[in-house]
Amino acid sequence: MVKLNKIYTRTGDDGTTGLVDGSRVSKADPRMAAIGDVDEANSAIGLAVIALGTPAAGALTRIQNDLFDLGADLATPGEDFTPSQMALRIVPEQVARLEAEIDAMNDTLAPLTSFILPGGSAAGAALHLARAIVRRAERTAIAAAESVPLNPAALAYLNRLSDYLFVASRFVNQTTGGDVLWVPGGSRQ
């Protein structure tokens, strides 16, 4: 359980931050960039939850919790990605759950005949924004994984989450006016 009595500690004033094992790294470390992007993605999903205001937001709230776990996973050094009392780790079952939910939503959608523009409705646009941020989080996590071992399931989760958010935006938009289709070269004249 987390207990925060004081928000500031001054320990990061030297430009470093602590990892789960107590070691310290630069706040500019690629691992920290990935953790920051995951946090930003989580915040964007929070905006989507507010925009939705429906039971669908329950799944997104669960995903927000997963993203906190994923941030802890990224902040835990080592090559053993087995979850334990001391190490929060994303597991393949969480990726599989996203896949099942993607498939369930996608089964209700018409096939795509064009690329779509981010938008459609306020909730759809919020989901698209979250999707774009998750894609960046995945890129920065992959960049960090080039220099330190990171949990492959965490990387897969980020990859699948961007797919989830894309399909969720289409799912929401199908009842609020539909997707906005890309018209290649449509504004040239």
N, C-alpha and C. Protein backbone atom coordinates (compact mmCIF):
# COMPACT_ATOMS: atom_id res chain seq x y z
N MET A 1 0.84 -1.18 0.00
CA MET A 1 0.00 0.00 0.00
C MET A 1 0.89 1.24 0.00
N VAL A 2 0.50 2.21 -0.76
CA VAL A 2 1.23 3.46 -0.84
C VAL A 2 0.71 4.40 0.23
N LYS A 3 1.62 5.07 0.90
CA LYS A 3 1.25 6.07 1.89
C LYS A 3 2.13 7.29 1.65
N LEU A 4 1.50 8.40 1.29
CA LEU A 4 2.24 9.64 1.03
C LEU A 4 1.86 10.67 2.07
N ASN A 5 2.78 10.97 2.94
CA ASN A 5 2.53 11.99 3.94
C ASN A 5 2.96 13.37 3.44
N LYS A 6 3.97 13.36 2.59
CA LYS A 6 4.52 14.61 2.10
C LYS A 6 4.74 14.46 0.59
N ILE A 7 4.34 15.45 -0.17
CA ILE A 7 4.43 15.37 -1.62
C ILE A 7 5.84 15.68 -2.11
N TYR A 8 6.50 16.60 -1.51
CA TYR A 8 7.86 16.92 -1.96
C TYR A 8 8.89 16.37 -0.98
N THR A 9 9.99 15.89 -1.55
CA THR A 9 11.05 15.31 -0.70
C THR A 9 12.39 16.00 -0.90
N ARG A 10 12.50 16.77 -1.96
CA ARG A 10 13.73 17.46 -2.35
C ARG A 10 14.82 16.51 -2.85
N THR A 11 14.56 15.20 -2.85
CA THR A 11 15.60 14.26 -3.30
C THR A 11 15.83 14.36 -4.80
N GLY A 12 14.87 14.88 -5.54
CA GLY A 12 15.03 15.01 -6.98
C GLY A 12 15.58 16.34 -7.43
N ASP A 13 15.93 17.19 -6.49
CA ASP A 13 16.44 18.51 -6.86
C ASP A 13 17.74 18.43 -7.63
N ASP A 14 18.44 17.31 -7.51
CA ASP A 14 19.71 17.15 -8.23
C ASP A 14 19.51 16.56 -9.63
N GLY A 15 18.25 16.42 -10.06
CA GLY A 15 17.98 15.91 -11.41
C GLY A 15 17.88 14.40 -11.48
N THR A 16 17.80 13.74 -10.32
CA THR A 16 17.65 12.29 -10.32
C THR A 16 16.32 11.91 -9.69
N THR A 17 15.93 10.66 -9.91
CA THR A 17 14.72 10.13 -9.31
C THR A 17 14.96 8.67 -8.94
N GLY A 18 14.17 8.18 -8.01
CA GLY A 18 14.36 6.82 -7.51
C GLY A 18 13.56 5.79 -8.27
N LEU A 19 14.16 4.61 -8.45
CA LEU A 19 13.47 3.46 -9.01
C LEU A 19 12.97 2.59 -7.86
N VAL A 20 12.21 1.57 -8.18
CA VAL A 20 11.58 0.73 -7.16
C VAL A 20 12.62 0.09 -6.25
N ASP A 21 13.79 -0.27 -6.79
CA ASP A 21 14.81 -0.93 -5.97
C ASP A 21 15.65 0.04 -5.14
N GLY A 22 15.32 1.33 -5.20
CA GLY A 22 16.06 2.33 -4.43
C GLY A 22 17.20 2.99 -5.19
N SER A 23 17.57 2.43 -6.35
CA SER A 23 18.62 3.07 -7.14
C SER A 23 18.09 4.37 -7.72
N ARG A 24 19.01 5.25 -8.12
CA ARG A 24 18.62 6.55 -8.65
C ARG A 24 19.13 6.67 -10.07
N VAL A 25 18.32 7.31 -10.91
CA VAL A 25 18.69 7.56 -12.31
C VAL A 25 18.36 9.00 -12.64
N SER A 26 18.94 9.47 -13.72
CA SER A 26 18.64 10.81 -14.20
C SER A 26 17.17 10.90 -14.61
N LYS A 27 16.57 12.04 -14.34
CA LYS A 27 15.19 12.25 -14.79
C LYS A 27 15.10 12.27 -16.31
N ALA A 28 16.26 12.42 -16.99
CA ALA A 28 16.29 12.39 -18.46
C ALA A 28 16.56 10.99 -18.99
N ASP A 29 16.67 9.99 -18.12
CA ASP A 29 16.92 8.61 -18.53
C ASP A 29 15.78 8.13 -19.43
N PRO A 30 16.08 7.34 -20.48
CA PRO A 30 15.01 6.84 -21.36
C PRO A 30 13.91 6.08 -20.61
N ARG A 31 14.28 5.37 -19.56
CA ARG A 31 13.26 4.67 -18.77
C ARG A 31 12.29 5.68 -18.16
N MET A 32 12.81 6.80 -17.67
CA MET A 32 11.95 7.82 -17.06
C MET A 32 11.09 8.51 -18.12
N ALA A 33 11.62 8.67 -19.33
CA ALA A 33 10.80 9.24 -20.41
C ALA A 33 9.61 8.33 -20.69
N ALA A 34 9.84 7.02 -20.71
CA ALA A 34 8.74 6.08 -20.94
C ALA A 34 7.72 6.15 -19.81
N ILE A 35 8.18 6.19 -18.59
CA ILE A 35 7.27 6.28 -17.44
C ILE A 35 6.45 7.57 -17.53
N GLY A 36 7.09 8.67 -17.91
CA GLY A 36 6.38 9.94 -18.04
C GLY A 36 5.33 9.90 -19.14
N ASP A 37 5.66 9.24 -20.25
CA ASP A 37 4.69 9.14 -21.34
C ASP A 37 3.51 8.24 -20.95
N VAL A 38 3.77 7.19 -20.18
CA VAL A 38 2.68 6.34 -19.69
C VAL A 38 1.78 7.16 -18.76
N ASP A 39 2.37 7.99 -17.92
CA ASP A 39 1.59 8.85 -17.02
C ASP A 39 0.74 9.82 -17.83
N GLU A 40 1.31 10.40 -18.88
CA GLU A 40 0.55 11.31 -19.73
C GLU A 40 -0.60 10.58 -20.42
N ALA A 41 -0.34 9.37 -20.89
CA ALA A 41 -1.40 8.58 -21.52
C ALA A 41 -2.52 8.31 -20.53
N ASN A 42 -2.16 7.99 -19.30
CA ASN A 42 -3.15 7.72 -18.26
C ASN A 42 -4.01 8.97 -18.03
N SER A 43 -3.38 10.13 -18.01
CA SER A 43 -4.13 11.39 -17.83
C SER A 43 -5.08 11.63 -18.99
N ALA A 44 -4.63 11.34 -20.21
CA ALA A 44 -5.49 11.52 -21.39
C ALA A 44 -6.68 10.56 -21.33
N ILE A 45 -6.45 9.35 -20.86
CA ILE A 45 -7.56 8.40 -20.71
C ILE A 45 -8.54 8.94 -19.66
N GLY A 46 -8.03 9.59 -18.63
CA GLY A 46 -8.91 10.21 -17.63
C GLY A 46 -9.84 11.22 -18.26
N LEU A 47 -9.33 12.01 -19.21
CA LEU A 47 -10.19 12.96 -19.92
C LEU A 47 -11.24 12.23 -20.75
N ALA A 48 -10.84 11.12 -21.36
CA ALA A 48 -11.79 10.33 -22.15
C ALA A 48 -12.89 9.76 -21.25
N VAL A 49 -12.53 9.33 -20.06
CA VAL A 49 -13.51 8.81 -19.11
C VAL A 49 -14.56 9.89 -18.81
N ILE A 50 -14.09 11.11 -18.59
CA ILE A 50 -15.02 12.21 -18.30
C ILE A 50 -15.90 12.50 -19.51
N ALA A 51 -15.31 12.47 -20.72
CA ALA A 51 -16.07 12.74 -21.94
C ALA A 51 -17.12 11.65 -22.19
N LEU A 52 -16.80 10.41 -21.84
CA LEU A 52 -17.74 9.31 -22.06
C LEU A 52 -18.92 9.36 -21.11
N GLY A 53 -18.64 9.40 -19.84
CA GLY A 53 -19.70 9.43 -18.84
C GLY A 53 -20.68 8.28 -18.96
N THR A 54 -20.24 7.13 -19.45
CA THR A 54 -21.12 5.98 -19.66
C THR A 54 -20.49 4.75 -19.00
N PRO A 55 -21.20 3.63 -19.00
CA PRO A 55 -20.60 2.40 -18.46
C PRO A 55 -19.31 2.00 -19.16
N ALA A 56 -19.10 2.40 -20.40
CA ALA A 56 -17.85 2.08 -21.10
C ALA A 56 -16.65 2.65 -20.36
N ALA A 57 -16.88 3.68 -19.59
CA ALA A 57 -15.78 4.30 -18.85
C ALA A 57 -15.22 3.34 -17.79
N GLY A 58 -15.99 2.35 -17.35
CA GLY A 58 -15.50 1.39 -16.37
C GLY A 58 -14.29 0.62 -16.88
N ALA A 59 -14.33 0.20 -18.13
CA ALA A 59 -13.18 -0.50 -18.72
C ALA A 59 -11.97 0.43 -18.78
N LEU A 60 -12.21 1.69 -19.08
CA LEU A 60 -11.09 2.64 -19.16
C LEU A 60 -10.50 2.91 -17.79
N THR A 61 -11.32 2.92 -16.76
CA THR A 61 -10.81 3.11 -15.40
C THR A 61 -9.93 1.92 -15.00
N ARG A 62 -10.33 0.71 -15.39
CA ARG A 62 -9.50 -0.46 -15.15
C ARG A 62 -8.16 -0.33 -15.89
N ILE A 63 -8.21 0.16 -17.12
CA ILE A 63 -7.00 0.37 -17.90
C ILE A 63 -6.11 1.41 -17.22
N GLN A 64 -6.71 2.45 -16.66
CA GLN A 64 -5.90 3.44 -15.93
C GLN A 64 -5.16 2.77 -14.77
N ASN A 65 -5.82 1.88 -14.07
CA ASN A 65 -5.16 1.16 -12.99
C ASN A 65 -4.02 0.30 -13.55
N ASP A 66 -4.28 -0.37 -14.67
CA ASP A 66 -3.23 -1.15 -15.33
C ASP A 66 -2.02 -0.28 -15.67
N LEU A 67 -2.28 0.95 -16.13
CA LEU A 67 -1.18 1.83 -16.51
C LEU A 67 -0.35 2.26 -15.30
N PHE A 68 -0.98 2.39 -14.13
CA PHE A 68 -0.19 2.65 -12.92
C PHE A 68 0.71 1.46 -12.63
N ASP A 69 0.15 0.24 -12.77
CA ASP A 69 0.96 -0.96 -12.59
C ASP A 69 2.08 -1.01 -13.63
N LEU A 70 1.77 -0.63 -14.85
CA LEU A 70 2.77 -0.64 -15.92
C LEU A 70 3.90 0.34 -15.62
N GLY A 71 3.56 1.50 -15.11
CA GLY A 71 4.60 2.46 -14.71
C GLY A 71 5.50 1.89 -13.63
N ALA A 72 4.89 1.20 -12.65
CA ALA A 72 5.69 0.55 -11.61
C ALA A 72 6.56 -0.55 -12.21
N ASP A 73 6.02 -1.28 -13.18
CA ASP A 73 6.78 -2.32 -13.88
C ASP A 73 8.01 -1.70 -14.54
N LEU A 74 7.81 -0.61 -15.28
CA LEU A 74 8.93 0.04 -15.96
C LEU A 74 9.96 0.57 -14.97
N ALA A 75 9.52 0.93 -13.78
CA ALA A 75 10.42 1.50 -12.77
C ALA A 75 11.11 0.43 -11.92
N THR A 76 10.88 -0.83 -12.25
CA THR A 76 11.48 -1.94 -11.50
C THR A 76 12.61 -2.55 -12.31
N PRO A 77 13.86 -2.26 -11.95
CA PRO A 77 14.98 -2.83 -12.70
C PRO A 77 15.06 -4.34 -12.54
N GLY A 78 15.73 -4.98 -13.48
CA GLY A 78 15.95 -6.41 -13.40
C GLY A 78 15.45 -7.13 -14.64
N GLU A 79 15.76 -8.41 -14.68
CA GLU A 79 15.39 -9.23 -15.84
C GLU A 79 14.36 -10.29 -15.48
N ASP A 80 13.92 -10.35 -14.23
CA ASP A 80 12.88 -11.27 -13.81
C ASP A 80 11.55 -10.52 -13.85
N PHE A 81 10.71 -10.90 -14.80
CA PHE A 81 9.45 -10.19 -15.00
C PHE A 81 8.26 -10.93 -14.39
N THR A 82 8.56 -11.82 -13.45
CA THR A 82 7.51 -12.54 -12.73
C THR A 82 6.94 -11.63 -11.65
N PRO A 83 5.61 -11.49 -11.62
CA PRO A 83 5.03 -10.66 -10.57
C PRO A 83 5.29 -11.28 -9.19
N SER A 84 5.42 -10.42 -8.19
CA SER A 84 5.61 -10.87 -6.82
C SER A 84 5.07 -9.81 -5.88
N GLN A 85 5.17 -10.07 -4.59
CA GLN A 85 4.74 -9.08 -3.59
C GLN A 85 5.54 -7.80 -3.73
N MET A 86 6.77 -7.91 -4.19
CA MET A 86 7.66 -6.74 -4.27
C MET A 86 7.74 -6.16 -5.69
N ALA A 87 7.17 -6.84 -6.68
CA ALA A 87 7.31 -6.36 -8.06
C ALA A 87 5.97 -6.45 -8.79
N LEU A 88 5.42 -5.29 -9.12
CA LEU A 88 4.25 -5.25 -9.98
C LEU A 88 4.72 -5.49 -11.41
N ARG A 89 4.14 -6.43 -12.07
CA ARG A 89 4.49 -6.73 -13.45
C ARG A 89 3.22 -6.92 -14.27
N ILE A 90 3.24 -6.42 -15.47
CA ILE A 90 2.16 -6.68 -16.41
C ILE A 90 2.31 -8.13 -16.85
N VAL A 91 1.18 -8.83 -16.99
CA VAL A 91 1.21 -10.24 -17.37
C VAL A 91 0.46 -10.42 -18.70
N PRO A 92 0.80 -11.49 -19.43
CA PRO A 92 0.16 -11.72 -20.74
C PRO A 92 -1.37 -11.75 -20.68
N GLU A 93 -1.94 -12.16 -19.55
CA GLU A 93 -3.40 -12.19 -19.44
C GLU A 93 -4.02 -10.80 -19.57
N GLN A 94 -3.30 -9.77 -19.16
CA GLN A 94 -3.81 -8.41 -19.30
C GLN A 94 -3.85 -8.01 -20.78
N VAL A 95 -2.86 -8.44 -21.53
CA VAL A 95 -2.83 -8.18 -22.98
C VAL A 95 -3.98 -8.95 -23.64
N ALA A 96 -4.17 -10.20 -23.25
CA ALA A 96 -5.25 -11.02 -23.81
C ALA A 96 -6.62 -10.41 -23.52
N ARG A 97 -6.79 -9.83 -22.33
CA ARG A 97 -8.07 -9.19 -21.99
C ARG A 97 -8.33 -8.02 -22.94
N LEU A 98 -7.30 -7.21 -23.21
CA LEU A 98 -7.48 -6.11 -24.16
C LEU A 98 -7.87 -6.64 -25.53
N GLU A 99 -7.23 -7.72 -25.97
CA GLU A 99 -7.55 -8.30 -27.28
C GLU A 99 -9.00 -8.76 -27.34
N ALA A 100 -9.47 -9.41 -26.28
CA ALA A 100 -10.86 -9.88 -26.26
C ALA A 100 -11.83 -8.69 -26.31
N GLU A 101 -11.51 -7.63 -25.61
CA GLU A 101 -12.38 -6.45 -25.61
C GLU A 101 -12.33 -5.73 -26.96
N ILE A 102 -11.17 -5.71 -27.59
CA ILE A 102 -11.06 -5.14 -28.94
C ILE A 102 -11.95 -5.92 -29.89
N ASP A 103 -11.83 -7.25 -29.85
CA ASP A 103 -12.63 -8.09 -30.75
C ASP A 103 -14.12 -7.89 -30.53
N ALA A 104 -14.55 -7.80 -29.27
CA ALA A 104 -15.97 -7.61 -28.97
C ALA A 104 -16.49 -6.28 -29.53
N MET A 105 -15.71 -5.21 -29.37
CA MET A 105 -16.14 -3.91 -29.91
C MET A 105 -16.10 -3.95 -31.43
N ASN A 106 -15.04 -4.53 -31.99
CA ASN A 106 -14.85 -4.53 -33.44
C ASN A 106 -15.94 -5.32 -34.15
N ASP A 107 -16.48 -6.35 -33.49
CA ASP A 107 -17.55 -7.15 -34.10
C ASP A 107 -18.80 -6.32 -34.38
N THR A 108 -18.96 -5.18 -33.72
CA THR A 108 -20.15 -4.35 -33.91
C THR A 108 -19.91 -3.24 -34.95
N LEU A 109 -18.68 -3.15 -35.47
CA LEU A 109 -18.32 -2.04 -36.36
C LEU A 109 -18.29 -2.47 -37.82
N ALA A 110 -18.65 -1.53 -38.69
CA ALA A 110 -18.50 -1.76 -40.12
C ALA A 110 -17.01 -1.75 -40.47
N PRO A 111 -16.60 -2.54 -41.46
CA PRO A 111 -15.19 -2.52 -41.85
C PRO A 111 -14.77 -1.12 -42.32
N LEU A 112 -13.52 -0.79 -42.08
CA LEU A 112 -13.00 0.50 -42.54
C LEU A 112 -12.84 0.50 -44.05
N THR A 113 -13.24 1.59 -44.68
CA THR A 113 -13.06 1.75 -46.12
C THR A 113 -12.13 2.92 -46.41
N SER A 114 -11.68 3.59 -45.36
CA SER A 114 -10.80 4.75 -45.49
C SER A 114 -10.11 4.92 -44.14
N PHE A 115 -8.99 5.64 -44.16
CA PHE A 115 -8.43 6.07 -42.89
C PHE A 115 -9.41 7.06 -42.28
N ILE A 116 -9.38 7.19 -40.97
CA ILE A 116 -10.30 8.13 -40.32
C ILE A 116 -9.50 9.23 -39.63
N LEU A 117 -10.14 10.38 -39.53
CA LEU A 117 -9.53 11.52 -38.85
C LEU A 117 -9.89 11.45 -37.37
N PRO A 118 -8.97 11.85 -36.51
CA PRO A 118 -9.29 11.86 -35.08
C PRO A 118 -10.41 12.84 -34.79
N GLY A 119 -11.51 12.36 -34.28
CA GLY A 119 -12.65 13.23 -33.99
C GLY A 119 -13.92 12.43 -33.95
N GLY A 120 -14.97 12.99 -34.52
CA GLY A 120 -16.27 12.34 -34.55
C GLY A 120 -17.19 12.83 -33.45
N SER A 121 -16.72 12.79 -32.24
CA SER A 121 -17.45 13.29 -31.07
C SER A 121 -16.40 13.70 -30.05
N ALA A 122 -16.84 14.37 -29.00
CA ALA A 122 -15.88 14.77 -27.96
C ALA A 122 -15.22 13.54 -27.34
N ALA A 123 -16.02 12.51 -27.05
CA ALA A 123 -15.46 11.30 -26.46
C ALA A 123 -14.55 10.58 -27.45
N GLY A 124 -14.97 10.51 -28.71
CA GLY A 124 -14.14 9.88 -29.74
C GLY A 124 -12.82 10.60 -29.91
N ALA A 125 -12.86 11.92 -29.92
CA ALA A 125 -11.63 12.71 -30.06
C ALA A 125 -10.72 12.50 -28.85
N ALA A 126 -11.31 12.43 -27.65
CA ALA A 126 -10.50 12.20 -26.44
C ALA A 126 -9.83 10.83 -26.50
N LEU A 127 -10.53 9.83 -27.00
CA LEU A 127 -9.95 8.50 -27.14
C LEU A 127 -8.83 8.50 -28.18
N HIS A 128 -9.02 9.23 -29.28
CA HIS A 128 -7.97 9.34 -30.29
C HIS A 128 -6.73 10.03 -29.72
N LEU A 129 -6.93 11.07 -28.93
CA LEU A 129 -5.79 11.75 -28.31
C LEU A 129 -5.04 10.79 -27.39
N ALA A 130 -5.78 10.05 -26.58
CA ALA A 130 -5.16 9.06 -25.70
C ALA A 130 -4.40 8.02 -26.52
N ARG A 131 -4.97 7.58 -27.63
CA ARG A 131 -4.32 6.60 -28.51
C ARG A 131 -2.98 7.12 -29.01
N ALA A 132 -2.96 8.37 -29.46
CA ALA A 132 -1.71 8.95 -29.98
C ALA A 132 -0.65 9.04 -28.87
N ILE A 133 -1.06 9.37 -27.67
CA ILE A 133 -0.11 9.46 -26.56
C ILE A 133 0.39 8.07 -26.17
N VAL A 134 -0.50 7.07 -26.19
CA VAL A 134 -0.06 5.69 -25.91
C VAL A 134 0.95 5.24 -26.95
N ARG A 135 0.74 5.61 -28.19
CA ARG A 135 1.72 5.23 -29.23
C ARG A 135 3.08 5.84 -28.93
N ARG A 136 3.10 7.08 -28.46
CA ARG A 136 4.38 7.70 -28.09
C ARG A 136 4.98 6.97 -26.89
N ALA A 137 4.15 6.63 -25.92
CA ALA A 137 4.65 5.90 -24.75
C ALA A 137 5.27 4.58 -25.18
N GLU A 138 4.65 3.91 -26.14
CA GLU A 138 5.22 2.66 -26.64
C GLU A 138 6.58 2.90 -27.30
N ARG A 139 6.67 3.95 -28.10
CA ARG A 139 7.96 4.25 -28.76
C ARG A 139 9.05 4.55 -27.74
N THR A 140 8.73 5.33 -26.71
CA THR A 140 9.76 5.66 -25.72
C THR A 140 10.10 4.44 -24.87
N ALA A 141 9.14 3.57 -24.61
CA ALA A 141 9.43 2.34 -23.85
C ALA A 141 10.32 1.42 -24.68
N ILE A 142 10.07 1.32 -25.97
CA ILE A 142 10.92 0.50 -26.83
C ILE A 142 12.32 1.09 -26.89
N ALA A 143 12.43 2.40 -26.95
CA ALA A 143 13.75 3.04 -26.94
C ALA A 143 14.47 2.73 -25.63
N ALA A 144 13.77 2.78 -24.51
CA ALA A 144 14.38 2.46 -23.22
C ALA A 144 14.82 1.00 -23.18
N ALA A 145 14.02 0.11 -23.80
CA ALA A 145 14.33 -1.32 -23.80
C ALA A 145 15.58 -1.64 -24.61
N GLU A 146 16.04 -0.69 -25.40
CA GLU A 146 17.29 -0.90 -26.13
C GLU A 146 18.50 -0.77 -25.22
N SER A 147 18.31 -0.16 -24.04
CA SER A 147 19.44 0.00 -23.11
C SER A 147 19.26 -0.71 -21.78
N VAL A 148 18.03 -1.03 -21.39
CA VAL A 148 17.79 -1.77 -20.14
C VAL A 148 16.70 -2.80 -20.40
N PRO A 149 16.74 -3.92 -19.69
CA PRO A 149 15.69 -4.93 -19.87
C PRO A 149 14.34 -4.40 -19.37
N LEU A 150 13.33 -4.52 -20.20
CA LEU A 150 11.96 -4.17 -19.81
C LEU A 150 11.05 -5.35 -20.11
N ASN A 151 10.01 -5.47 -19.35
CA ASN A 151 9.06 -6.57 -19.45
C ASN A 151 8.41 -6.60 -20.84
N PRO A 152 8.60 -7.68 -21.60
CA PRO A 152 7.96 -7.77 -22.91
C PRO A 152 6.44 -7.66 -22.84
N ALA A 153 5.83 -8.15 -21.77
CA ALA A 153 4.37 -8.04 -21.64
C ALA A 153 3.93 -6.59 -21.49
N ALA A 154 4.76 -5.76 -20.84
CA ALA A 154 4.43 -4.34 -20.70
C ALA A 154 4.48 -3.66 -22.07
N LEU A 155 5.47 -4.02 -22.87
CA LEU A 155 5.57 -3.44 -24.22
C LEU A 155 4.40 -3.90 -25.08
N ALA A 156 4.02 -5.17 -24.98
CA ALA A 156 2.87 -5.68 -25.73
C ALA A 156 1.58 -4.99 -25.28
N TYR A 157 1.46 -4.74 -23.97
CA TYR A 157 0.27 -4.07 -23.44
C TYR A 157 0.11 -2.69 -24.08
N LEU A 158 1.21 -1.94 -24.15
CA LEU A 158 1.14 -0.60 -24.76
C LEU A 158 0.75 -0.70 -26.23
N ASN A 159 1.30 -1.66 -26.93
CA ASN A 159 0.98 -1.84 -28.34
C ASN A 159 -0.51 -2.14 -28.51
N ARG A 160 -1.01 -3.07 -27.71
CA ARG A 160 -2.42 -3.44 -27.81
C ARG A 160 -3.33 -2.33 -27.33
N LEU A 161 -2.88 -1.55 -26.35
CA LEU A 161 -3.73 -0.48 -25.83
C LEU A 161 -4.00 0.58 -26.89
N SER A 162 -3.01 0.89 -27.73
CA SER A 162 -3.29 1.87 -28.79
C SER A 162 -4.34 1.33 -29.75
N ASP A 163 -4.29 0.02 -30.04
CA ASP A 163 -5.33 -0.60 -30.88
C ASP A 163 -6.69 -0.51 -30.18
N TYR A 164 -6.70 -0.81 -28.89
CA TYR A 164 -7.93 -0.75 -28.09
C TYR A 164 -8.55 0.64 -28.19
N LEU A 165 -7.75 1.67 -27.99
CA LEU A 165 -8.27 3.04 -27.98
C LEU A 165 -8.77 3.45 -29.37
N PHE A 166 -8.11 2.97 -30.42
CA PHE A 166 -8.59 3.25 -31.79
C PHE A 166 -9.97 2.63 -31.99
N VAL A 167 -10.10 1.36 -31.65
CA VAL A 167 -11.39 0.68 -31.82
C VAL A 167 -12.44 1.28 -30.89
N ALA A 168 -12.06 1.63 -29.67
CA ALA A 168 -13.01 2.26 -28.75
C ALA A 168 -13.52 3.58 -29.30
N SER A 169 -12.65 4.36 -29.96
CA SER A 169 -13.11 5.63 -30.54
C SER A 169 -14.13 5.37 -31.63
N ARG A 170 -13.89 4.36 -32.45
CA ARG A 170 -14.86 4.01 -33.50
C ARG A 170 -16.16 3.50 -32.88
N PHE A 171 -16.04 2.70 -31.82
CA PHE A 171 -17.20 2.15 -31.14
C PHE A 171 -18.08 3.26 -30.57
N VAL A 172 -17.45 4.25 -29.95
CA VAL A 172 -18.18 5.40 -29.40
C VAL A 172 -18.79 6.23 -30.52
N ASN A 173 -18.02 6.45 -31.57
CA ASN A 173 -18.49 7.31 -32.66
C ASN A 173 -19.63 6.70 -33.46
N GLN A 174 -19.78 5.38 -33.45
CA GLN A 174 -20.85 4.78 -34.24
C GLN A 174 -22.23 5.19 -33.74
N THR A 175 -22.33 5.62 -32.48
CA THR A 175 -23.63 6.05 -31.95
C THR A 175 -23.72 7.57 -31.82
N THR A 176 -22.66 8.28 -32.21
CA THR A 176 -22.67 9.74 -32.06
C THR A 176 -22.28 10.44 -33.36
N GLY A 177 -22.70 9.89 -34.49
CA GLY A 177 -22.46 10.57 -35.76
C GLY A 177 -21.47 9.91 -36.67
N GLY A 178 -20.74 8.94 -36.19
CA GLY A 178 -19.84 8.18 -37.05
C GLY A 178 -18.43 8.75 -37.13
N ASP A 179 -17.58 7.97 -37.77
CA ASP A 179 -16.20 8.37 -37.98
C ASP A 179 -16.12 9.49 -39.01
N VAL A 180 -15.07 10.28 -38.92
CA VAL A 180 -14.79 11.31 -39.92
C VAL A 180 -13.76 10.70 -40.86
N LEU A 181 -14.15 10.50 -42.10
CA LEU A 181 -13.28 9.84 -43.07
C LEU A 181 -12.27 10.80 -43.66
N TRP A 182 -11.07 10.30 -43.88
CA TRP A 182 -10.01 11.04 -44.56
C TRP A 182 -10.34 11.06 -46.05
N VAL A 183 -10.26 12.24 -46.65
CA VAL A 183 -10.46 12.40 -48.10
C VAL A 183 -9.10 12.83 -48.65
N PRO A 184 -8.33 11.88 -49.21
CA PRO A 184 -6.99 12.23 -49.71
C PRO A 184 -7.05 13.38 -50.71
N GLY A 185 -6.28 14.42 -50.44
CA GLY A 185 -6.23 15.58 -51.32
C GLY A 185 -7.52 16.38 -51.35
N GLY A 186 -8.43 16.13 -50.43
CA GLY A 186 -9.76 16.73 -50.45
C GLY A 186 -9.81 18.23 -50.27
N SER A 187 -8.74 18.84 -49.78
CA SER A 187 -8.77 20.30 -49.56
C SER A 187 -7.80 21.03 -50.48
N ARG A 188 -7.39 20.42 -51.56
CA ARG A 188 -6.46 21.08 -52.49
C ARG A 188 -7.09 22.24 -53.24
N GLN A 189 -8.39 22.19 -53.43
CA GLN A 189 -8.99 23.24 -54.25
C GLN A 189 -10.02 24.02 -53.50
